[in-house]
Amino acid sequence: MQLYKRGRYWWISFVDSTGQRHRFSTKCTDKEAALDVLKAFERRAVNPQRYAQDEATLGIILGRSIAVLAEEARVGRKSEATVQFHRKKAGHLVRLFEAEGTRPFHLRELTARHVDSYISTRRGEGAAENTIGKELVVLRKALKLARNHGLWEGDVNAILPVGFSPAYEPRKRSLTPEDVNSLLAELKPDRAARVAFIVASSASWGPTNNARREDIAADFSRVHVRGTKRSTRDRVVPVVLPLQQELLRFAAKHAQGEDGDLFLNWSNAVRDIKAACKRAGIEPCTPNDLRRTFAVWLRSAGAPPDLIAPCMGHRDSTMVERVYGRLSANVLDARLRVSIGQEASKTADQEVGNCAYIVPDDPVSTGFMTRMAPKTGAATHPVKTKKPKRKRSDTAKDPLYAAMGPVGLEPTTLGLKIPCSTD
């Protein structure tokens, strides 16, 4: 390779393996700078893999990681929401490591000290631990991709803090029927209809933007939720609780979407819902809390997690058990008493079980939904009929029969207590 000057700039001339000569400008007017370009070019020619590692930057590998996710989204393996999530989190990494792309940060320079400094900076900016944890997940994925592509030879576990825990605690907020009634009364009709739709169908916010009028069954017994996050999110949800059927009926009545769409556009729902909660005098909630309310009401009514999960678009019941379907102390008390044959707690029954709603003719003056008083007369409260007492047959005296538990419970509830042959 030769370095020569032509006009103001230094040029490089070389002959390839086929004997053909090539010339290109270094775009440097200083000879020392041109020599650096020449050395870099020689390193690339001698060892292309090593050159690629030397030139790989954090911004480049984060871009490649997002490109891979976008390709998977195009073939249906990932959702567009996942791509946007990674793009947003990667933006913070580029902003702090590379000053928003104005200076490259080479992967070969990355150490645990840089990551610790990043965490401290984000904490100083007020970012939550859970948010920082998600950003580190994006960084981890990018570094693994860099290793697979031969652009980085570091150890991911040595770079990222193994002991870092965002201490994430899932939200527990779910709404009582009284809360829902108060919230709906503080929202405009179309927005109240969307809130009612979510509580009745378990739809997350994105699918409500895609909701169509034909998605609601004529008898309000089921609803099509047009989820796109994964294949299980596009689903038909049975609406079995009378209270949720009333909410679905309310949504169909007050939704004001046009051209077949069920709802109008709602740009800042989180802010508006929290403001409505404040006016209603109830604890703030988010759109995801409305989705959680669907699961809590069903589980409080006795539905098992494995049946609630497909209604919510989950692959299995894990999320229902850990996040969405956790029961309150009152309902848990009632369910435990039923499971061991004791009388159910009345407080739990009042929490969800016998709530009924009517939709008034004038939703503006009377509130969008008016709760029937649970104990103010037969006309407004479902009549409870006493179940006839079961007569125990002579077979109940049998030791094996008695070992199965209280009459009326399935054997699988408590398990068969068959005496061991060695007893």
Protein backbone atom coordinates (compact mmCIF):
# COMPACT_ATOMS: atom_id res chain seq x y z
CA MET A 1 0.00 0.00 0.00
CA GLN A 2 1.19 3.47 -0.83
CA LEU A 3 0.26 6.84 0.59
CA TYR A 4 0.57 9.83 -1.72
CA LYS A 5 -0.79 13.35 -1.92
CA ARG A 6 -3.03 14.63 -4.68
CA GLY A 7 -4.00 18.24 -4.34
CA ARG A 8 -5.02 18.98 -0.74
CA TYR A 9 -5.76 15.36 0.29
CA TRP A 10 -3.72 12.24 0.91
CA TRP A 11 -4.64 9.15 -1.09
CA ILE A 12 -4.05 5.42 -0.70
CA SER A 13 -3.10 3.16 -3.61
CA PHE A 14 -2.97 -0.65 -3.46
CA VAL A 15 -3.10 -3.72 -5.69
CA ASP A 16 -5.54 -6.54 -4.81
CA SER A 17 -4.99 -10.29 -5.16
CA THR A 18 -6.17 -10.22 -8.78
CA GLY A 19 -3.55 -7.65 -9.74
CA GLN A 20 -6.03 -4.79 -10.09
CA ARG A 21 -4.96 -1.42 -8.68
CA HIS A 22 -7.31 0.61 -6.48
CA ARG A 23 -7.09 4.20 -5.31
CA PHE A 24 -9.19 6.09 -2.78
CA SER A 25 -8.94 9.30 -0.81
CA THR A 26 -8.36 9.36 2.94
CA LYS A 27 -10.13 12.77 3.00
CA CYS A 28 -7.29 13.94 5.26
CA THR A 29 -5.13 16.97 4.64
CA ASP A 30 -2.80 16.02 7.52
CA LYS A 31 -0.32 13.25 6.80
CA GLU A 32 -0.44 11.78 10.34
CA ALA A 33 -4.21 11.49 10.14
CA ALA A 34 -3.90 9.88 6.71
CA LEU A 35 -1.43 7.36 8.14
CA ASP A 36 -4.01 6.39 10.79
CA VAL A 37 -6.52 5.73 8.02
CA LEU A 38 -3.95 3.65 6.17
CA LYS A 39 -3.19 1.54 9.27
CA ALA A 40 -6.88 0.96 9.90
CA PHE A 41 -7.32 -0.12 6.29
CA GLU A 42 -4.41 -2.53 6.58
CA ARG A 43 -5.86 -4.06 9.75
CA ARG A 44 -9.16 -4.56 7.97
CA ALA A 45 -7.45 -6.19 5.00
CA VAL A 46 -5.36 -8.53 7.17
CA ASN A 47 -8.09 -9.49 9.70
CA PRO A 48 -11.63 -8.42 8.73
CA GLN A 49 -13.16 -10.01 11.86
CA ARG A 50 -10.85 -8.13 14.21
CA TYR A 51 -11.51 -4.91 12.33
CA ALA A 52 -15.27 -5.42 12.69
CA GLN A 53 -14.84 -5.90 16.45
CA ASP A 54 -12.75 -2.77 16.72
CA GLU A 55 -15.33 -0.69 14.85
CA ALA A 56 -18.48 -2.09 16.53
CA THR A 57 -20.26 0.52 18.65
CA LEU A 58 -23.11 0.27 21.11
CA GLY A 59 -25.37 2.25 18.79
CA ILE A 60 -24.67 -0.11 15.89
CA ILE A 61 -25.43 -3.27 17.85
CA LEU A 62 -28.58 -1.81 19.43
CA GLY A 63 -29.74 -0.93 15.92
CA ARG A 64 -29.09 -4.48 14.75
CA SER A 65 -30.97 -5.90 17.73
CA ILE A 66 -34.02 -3.78 16.95
CA ALA A 67 -33.79 -4.72 13.26
CA VAL A 68 -33.89 -8.42 14.20
CA LEU A 69 -36.99 -7.82 16.34
CA ALA A 70 -38.64 -5.86 13.53
CA GLU A 71 -38.01 -8.74 11.12
CA GLU A 72 -39.55 -11.19 13.61
CA ALA A 73 -42.56 -8.86 13.96
CA ARG A 74 -43.06 -8.90 10.17
CA VAL A 75 -43.33 -12.70 10.19
CA GLY A 76 -45.58 -12.75 13.24
CA ARG A 77 -43.11 -14.03 15.85
CA LYS A 78 -43.01 -10.73 17.75
CA SER A 79 -45.43 -7.87 18.11
CA GLU A 80 -44.90 -4.31 16.93
CA ALA A 81 -45.40 -3.27 20.57
CA THR A 82 -42.29 -5.29 21.51
CA VAL A 83 -40.27 -3.55 18.79
CA GLN A 84 -41.39 -0.13 20.02
CA PHE A 85 -40.57 -1.11 23.60
CA HIS A 86 -36.97 -2.04 22.70
CA ARG A 87 -36.57 1.04 20.53
CA LYS A 88 -37.66 3.30 23.39
CA LYS A 89 -35.38 1.65 25.96
CA ALA A 90 -32.44 1.60 23.54
CA GLY A 91 -32.89 5.34 23.11
CA HIS A 92 -31.86 5.95 26.73
CA LEU A 93 -28.78 3.76 26.32
CA VAL A 94 -27.66 5.65 23.20
CA ARG A 95 -28.45 8.99 24.83
CA LEU A 96 -26.18 8.40 27.80
CA PHE A 97 -23.46 6.18 26.31
CA GLU A 98 -23.09 8.01 23.00
CA ALA A 99 -24.49 11.48 23.73
CA GLU A 100 -27.42 10.80 21.37
CA GLY A 101 -25.12 9.50 18.64
CA THR A 102 -22.67 12.43 18.52
CA ARG A 103 -19.79 10.27 19.75
CA PRO A 104 -19.42 6.50 19.24
CA PHE A 105 -19.00 4.17 22.20
CA HIS A 106 -17.06 1.10 21.09
CA LEU A 107 -18.13 -2.22 22.57
CA ARG A 108 -14.51 -3.18 23.19
CA GLU A 109 -14.39 -0.40 25.81
CA LEU A 110 -17.49 -1.53 27.72
CA THR A 111 -16.89 -2.53 31.35
CA ALA A 112 -19.03 -3.09 34.41
CA ARG A 113 -18.01 0.38 35.60
CA HIS A 114 -19.78 1.96 32.60
CA VAL A 115 -22.99 0.06 33.36
CA ASP A 116 -22.85 1.01 37.04
CA SER A 117 -22.40 4.64 36.02
CA TYR A 118 -25.38 4.35 33.68
CA ILE A 119 -27.56 2.99 36.50
CA SER A 120 -26.50 5.83 38.82
CA THR A 121 -27.25 8.45 36.14
CA ARG A 122 -30.70 7.02 35.45
CA ARG A 123 -31.47 6.97 39.16
CA GLY A 124 -30.41 10.59 39.33
CA GLU A 125 -32.85 11.35 36.51
CA GLY A 126 -35.65 9.85 38.59
CA ALA A 127 -36.09 6.60 36.64
CA ALA A 128 -37.74 3.80 38.59
CA GLU A 129 -35.76 0.66 39.37
CA ASN A 130 -38.14 -1.38 37.26
CA THR A 131 -37.56 0.96 34.31
CA ILE A 132 -33.77 0.67 34.65
CA GLY A 133 -34.12 -3.10 34.84
CA LYS A 134 -35.99 -3.15 31.51
CA GLU A 135 -33.28 -1.02 29.89
CA LEU A 136 -30.63 -3.47 31.08
CA VAL A 137 -32.67 -6.31 29.56
CA VAL A 138 -32.44 -4.52 26.19
CA LEU A 139 -28.68 -4.05 26.67
CA ARG A 140 -28.24 -7.72 27.56
CA LYS A 141 -30.08 -8.81 24.41
CA ALA A 142 -27.92 -6.53 22.25
CA LEU A 143 -24.68 -7.80 23.79
CA LYS A 144 -25.72 -11.43 23.23
CA LEU A 145 -26.41 -10.60 19.60
CA ALA A 146 -22.98 -8.96 19.32
CA ARG A 147 -21.33 -12.14 20.62
CA ASN A 148 -23.29 -14.30 18.19
CA HIS A 149 -22.21 -12.08 15.29
CA GLY A 150 -18.59 -12.07 16.39
CA LEU A 151 -18.58 -8.33 17.11
CA TRP A 152 -17.82 -8.61 20.84
CA GLU A 153 -15.85 -11.09 22.90
CA GLY A 154 -16.85 -9.92 26.37
CA ASP A 155 -18.80 -11.73 29.08
CA VAL A 156 -22.37 -10.50 29.47
CA ASN A 157 -22.62 -11.64 33.09
CA ALA A 158 -19.37 -9.86 33.96
CA ILE A 159 -20.64 -6.60 32.45
CA LEU A 160 -24.18 -6.48 33.79
CA PRO A 161 -24.81 -6.41 37.56
CA VAL A 162 -25.90 -9.89 38.58
CA GLY A 163 -27.21 -8.59 41.90
CA PHE A 164 -29.25 -5.79 40.35
CA SER A 165 -32.89 -6.33 41.18
CA PRO A 166 -35.55 -3.85 40.23
CA ALA A 167 -37.62 -5.14 43.17
CA TYR A 168 -40.67 -5.13 40.94
CA GLU A 169 -43.94 -5.55 42.78
CA PRO A 170 -46.96 -6.13 40.54
CA ARG A 171 -49.80 -3.68 41.04
CA LYS A 172 -52.73 -4.95 43.06
CA ARG A 173 -55.28 -2.29 42.19
CA SER A 174 -58.62 -3.57 40.98
CA LEU A 175 -61.93 -1.76 41.08
CA THR A 176 -65.03 -2.65 43.03
CA PRO A 177 -68.40 -2.25 41.30
CA GLU A 178 -68.86 0.97 43.28
CA ASP A 179 -65.52 2.24 41.96
CA VAL A 180 -66.52 1.45 38.38
CA ASN A 181 -69.83 3.23 38.83
CA SER A 182 -68.14 6.33 40.24
CA LEU A 183 -65.48 6.35 37.51
CA LEU A 184 -67.96 6.05 34.65
CA ALA A 185 -69.98 8.96 35.99
CA GLU A 186 -66.91 11.24 35.72
CA LEU A 187 -66.06 10.44 32.10
CA LYS A 188 -67.52 11.54 28.79
CA PRO A 189 -69.89 8.94 27.28
CA ASP A 190 -67.49 7.47 24.72
CA ARG A 191 -64.64 7.28 27.21
CA ALA A 192 -66.87 5.75 29.85
CA ALA A 193 -67.96 3.19 27.25
CA ARG A 194 -64.33 2.22 26.60
CA VAL A 195 -63.65 1.78 30.33
CA ALA A 196 -66.76 -0.41 30.64
CA PHE A 197 -65.63 -2.44 27.60
CA ILE A 198 -62.24 -3.19 29.17
CA VAL A 199 -63.72 -4.29 32.52
CA ALA A 200 -66.22 -6.51 30.70
CA SER A 201 -63.82 -8.07 28.18
CA SER A 202 -60.28 -7.92 29.70
CA ALA A 203 -59.09 -6.05 26.59
CA SER A 204 -55.80 -4.17 26.94
CA TRP A 205 -55.65 -0.62 25.62
CA GLY A 206 -54.31 -1.34 22.13
CA PRO A 207 -57.13 -3.69 21.07
CA THR A 208 -59.76 -1.17 22.13
CA ASN A 209 -58.47 1.09 19.35
CA ASN A 210 -59.27 -1.73 16.90
CA ALA A 211 -62.66 -2.63 18.38
CA ARG A 212 -65.60 -2.77 15.96
CA ARG A 213 -69.32 -2.69 16.70
CA GLU A 214 -69.80 -6.16 15.28
CA ASP A 215 -67.33 -7.53 17.85
CA ILE A 216 -70.05 -7.43 20.53
CA ALA A 217 -72.56 -10.28 20.37
CA ALA A 218 -76.20 -9.28 20.05
CA ASP A 219 -77.04 -10.89 23.40
CA PHE A 220 -73.87 -9.49 25.05
CA SER A 221 -72.74 -13.01 25.95
CA ARG A 222 -69.34 -12.71 24.25
CA VAL A 223 -67.02 -10.20 22.64
CA HIS A 224 -64.25 -10.42 20.06
CA VAL A 225 -61.02 -8.79 21.33
CA ARG A 226 -58.71 -7.89 18.45
CA GLY A 227 -55.37 -8.28 20.22
CA THR A 228 -52.14 -8.22 18.21
CA LYS A 229 -49.35 -8.73 20.74
CA ARG A 230 -49.29 -12.49 20.09
CA SER A 231 -51.56 -15.07 18.51
CA THR A 232 -53.41 -15.79 21.77
CA ARG A 233 -54.42 -12.13 22.13
CA ASP A 234 -56.86 -12.26 19.21
CA ARG A 235 -59.68 -14.06 20.98
CA VAL A 236 -63.39 -14.37 21.69
CA VAL A 237 -64.13 -13.74 25.37
CA PRO A 238 -67.24 -15.26 26.99
CA VAL A 239 -68.98 -12.67 29.19
CA VAL A 240 -70.66 -14.71 31.91
CA LEU A 241 -71.09 -12.43 34.93
CA PRO A 242 -74.35 -10.45 34.76
CA LEU A 243 -72.50 -7.37 35.96
CA GLN A 244 -70.00 -7.59 33.10
CA GLN A 245 -72.80 -8.17 30.60
CA GLU A 246 -74.40 -4.94 31.83
CA LEU A 247 -71.08 -3.14 31.34
CA LEU A 248 -70.81 -4.53 27.81
CA ARG A 249 -74.36 -3.39 27.10
CA PHE A 250 -73.44 0.04 28.46
CA ALA A 251 -70.36 0.17 26.22
CA ALA A 252 -72.39 -0.67 23.12
CA LYS A 253 -74.98 1.98 23.99
CA HIS A 254 -72.64 4.90 24.68
CA ALA A 255 -69.71 4.25 22.31
CA GLN A 256 -69.52 6.96 19.65
CA GLY A 257 -67.05 5.59 17.12
CA GLU A 258 -67.61 6.19 13.41
CA ASP A 259 -67.42 4.04 10.26
CA GLY A 260 -67.83 0.82 12.22
CA ASP A 261 -65.22 1.66 14.85
CA LEU A 262 -66.56 1.23 18.36
CA PHE A 263 -64.71 4.13 20.02
CA LEU A 264 -63.36 7.56 19.23
CA ASN A 265 -59.65 8.32 19.55
CA TRP A 266 -58.40 8.88 23.11
CA SER A 267 -54.85 10.23 23.16
CA ASN A 268 -53.97 10.58 26.86
CA ALA A 269 -56.05 8.01 28.67
CA VAL A 270 -53.73 7.48 31.65
CA ARG A 271 -53.91 11.15 32.59
CA ASP A 272 -57.65 11.44 31.99
CA ILE A 273 -58.54 8.30 33.94
CA LYS A 274 -56.46 9.35 36.93
CA ALA A 275 -58.08 12.78 36.87
CA ALA A 276 -61.53 11.16 36.75
CA CYS A 277 -60.62 8.95 39.71
CA LYS A 278 -59.62 12.04 41.66
CA ARG A 279 -62.94 13.74 40.89
CA ALA A 280 -64.79 10.57 41.87
CA GLY A 281 -62.89 10.34 45.15
CA ILE A 282 -61.51 6.85 44.51
CA GLU A 283 -57.98 5.47 44.40
CA PRO A 284 -56.22 6.21 41.08
CA CYS A 285 -56.19 3.45 38.50
CA THR A 286 -54.67 2.76 35.09
CA PRO A 287 -56.06 1.05 31.98
CA ASN A 288 -54.24 -2.12 33.03
CA ASP A 289 -55.99 -1.98 36.41
CA LEU A 290 -59.28 -2.13 34.53
CA ARG A 291 -58.05 -5.29 32.82
CA ARG A 292 -57.04 -6.68 36.21
CA THR A 293 -60.55 -5.97 37.49
CA PHE A 294 -61.94 -8.42 34.91
CA ALA A 295 -59.77 -11.22 36.31
CA VAL A 296 -60.41 -10.39 39.97
CA TRP A 297 -64.17 -10.37 39.51
CA LEU A 298 -64.15 -13.72 37.73
CA ARG A 299 -61.86 -15.34 40.26
CA SER A 300 -63.90 -13.92 43.13
CA ALA A 301 -66.95 -15.53 41.58
CA GLY A 302 -65.16 -18.90 41.65
CA ALA A 303 -63.64 -19.19 38.17
CA PRO A 304 -60.27 -21.01 38.23
CA PRO A 305 -57.13 -19.34 36.82
CA ASP A 306 -56.78 -21.84 33.98
CA LEU A 307 -60.15 -20.68 32.58
CA ILE A 308 -59.50 -16.97 33.17
CA ALA A 309 -56.11 -17.09 31.39
CA PRO A 310 -57.40 -17.79 27.85
CA CYS A 311 -60.05 -15.08 28.33
CA MET A 312 -57.21 -12.62 28.93
CA GLY A 313 -55.10 -13.93 26.06
CA HIS A 314 -52.43 -15.62 28.21
CA ARG A 315 -50.71 -18.86 27.25
CA ASP A 316 -51.13 -20.30 30.74
CA SER A 317 -52.44 -19.34 34.17
CA THR A 318 -49.15 -17.99 35.55
CA MET A 319 -49.94 -14.31 34.98
CA VAL A 320 -53.43 -14.69 36.44
CA GLU A 321 -52.06 -16.31 39.58
CA ARG A 322 -49.14 -13.90 40.04
CA VAL A 323 -50.44 -10.57 38.73
CA TYR A 324 -54.02 -10.30 37.54
CA GLY A 325 -56.15 -12.58 39.68
CA ARG A 326 -54.92 -12.08 43.22
CA LEU A 327 -57.83 -12.01 45.65
CA SER A 328 -58.57 -9.52 48.40
CA ALA A 329 -58.53 -10.61 52.03
CA ASN A 330 -62.34 -10.71 52.20
CA VAL A 331 -62.76 -12.84 49.10
CA LEU A 332 -59.86 -15.09 50.10
CA ASP A 333 -61.52 -15.60 53.49
CA ALA A 334 -64.82 -16.55 51.83
CA ARG A 335 -63.20 -18.96 49.36
CA LEU A 336 -61.24 -20.66 52.13
CA ARG A 337 -64.35 -21.10 54.22
CA VAL A 338 -66.23 -22.61 51.29
CA SER A 339 -63.34 -24.94 50.52
CA ILE A 340 -63.41 -26.35 54.06
CA GLY A 341 -67.20 -26.43 54.26
CA GLN A 342 -67.80 -23.42 56.48
CA GLU A 343 -70.28 -20.63 55.81
CA ALA A 344 -69.01 -17.99 53.36
CA SER A 345 -68.17 -14.53 54.62
CA LYS A 346 -70.93 -12.01 53.87
CA THR A 347 -68.43 -9.22 53.31
CA ALA A 348 -66.88 -11.09 50.42
CA ASP A 349 -70.30 -11.79 48.94
CA GLN A 350 -71.05 -8.08 49.00
CA GLU A 351 -67.75 -7.20 47.33
CA VAL A 352 -68.65 -8.54 43.90
CA GLY A 353 -71.19 -11.36 43.94
CA ASN A 354 -74.66 -9.79 44.04
CA CYS A 355 -74.00 -6.42 42.44
CA ALA A 356 -76.54 -5.41 39.79
CA TYR A 357 -76.59 -2.34 37.63
CA ILE A 358 -79.16 -0.53 35.55
CA VAL A 359 -78.43 1.95 32.78
CA PRO A 360 -80.54 5.12 33.27
CA ASP A 361 -82.32 6.83 30.40
CA ASP A 362 -80.57 10.09 31.24
CA PRO A 363 -76.88 9.21 31.85
CA VAL A 364 -75.86 12.85 32.20
CA SER A 365 -78.12 13.75 35.13
CA THR A 366 -78.13 10.44 36.99
CA GLY A 367 -74.65 9.09 36.27
CA PHE A 368 -73.82 6.56 33.60
CA MET A 369 -74.61 3.57 35.77
CA THR A 370 -76.71 3.56 38.92
CA ARG A 371 -76.16 0.84 41.45
CA MET A 372 -79.16 -0.97 42.80
CA ALA A 373 -79.09 -0.80 46.56
CA PRO A 374 -78.26 -4.32 47.70
CA LYS A 375 -80.56 -4.24 50.69
CA THR A 376 -83.32 -1.71 49.94
CA GLY A 377 -86.21 -3.86 48.88
CA ALA A 378 -87.08 -6.83 46.77
CA ALA A 379 -87.56 -4.73 43.64
CA THR A 380 -83.95 -3.58 43.51
CA HIS A 381 -81.99 -6.46 44.98
CA PRO A 382 -81.75 -10.04 43.72
CA VAL A 383 -83.75 -12.34 45.96
CA LYS A 384 -81.69 -14.93 47.74
CA THR A 385 -83.41 -18.26 48.15
CA LYS A 386 -82.31 -20.65 50.82
CA LYS A 387 -81.03 -23.91 49.54
CA PRO A 388 -82.78 -26.94 51.00
CA LYS A 389 -80.74 -28.77 53.55
CA ARG A 390 -79.28 -31.94 52.26
CA LYS A 391 -80.12 -35.11 54.10
CA ARG A 392 -77.24 -37.28 54.91
CA SER A 393 -77.78 -40.88 53.98
CA ASP A 394 -76.65 -43.82 56.00
CA THR A 395 -73.62 -44.05 53.75
CA ALA A 396 -72.29 -40.91 55.45
CA LYS A 397 -71.53 -43.00 58.48
CA ASP A 398 -69.03 -45.03 56.54
CA PRO A 399 -65.41 -44.07 57.54
CA LEU A 400 -64.28 -43.73 53.92
CA TYR A 401 -67.25 -41.49 53.10
CA ALA A 402 -66.54 -39.29 56.12
CA ALA A 403 -62.86 -39.05 55.20
CA MET A 404 -63.78 -37.41 51.88
CA GLY A 405 -64.81 -34.18 53.58
CA PRO A 406 -68.08 -32.22 53.83
CA VAL A 407 -71.06 -33.25 51.74
CA GLY A 408 -71.27 -31.33 48.48
CA LEU A 409 -67.56 -30.85 47.86
CA GLU A 410 -65.87 -32.56 44.96
CA PRO A 411 -63.41 -35.24 46.08
CA THR A 412 -60.63 -33.45 44.18
CA THR A 413 -61.14 -30.32 46.34
CA LEU A 414 -59.84 -31.84 49.53
CA GLY A 415 -58.37 -35.05 48.23
CA LEU A 416 -59.29 -38.56 49.26
CA LYS A 417 -58.15 -39.37 52.75
CA ILE A 418 -57.94 -43.15 52.43
CA PRO A 419 -56.36 -44.80 55.50
CA CYS A 420 -53.05 -46.44 54.74
CA SER A 421 -53.03 -50.23 54.83
CA THR A 422 -50.29 -50.11 57.45
CA ASP A 423 -52.43 -48.08 59.91
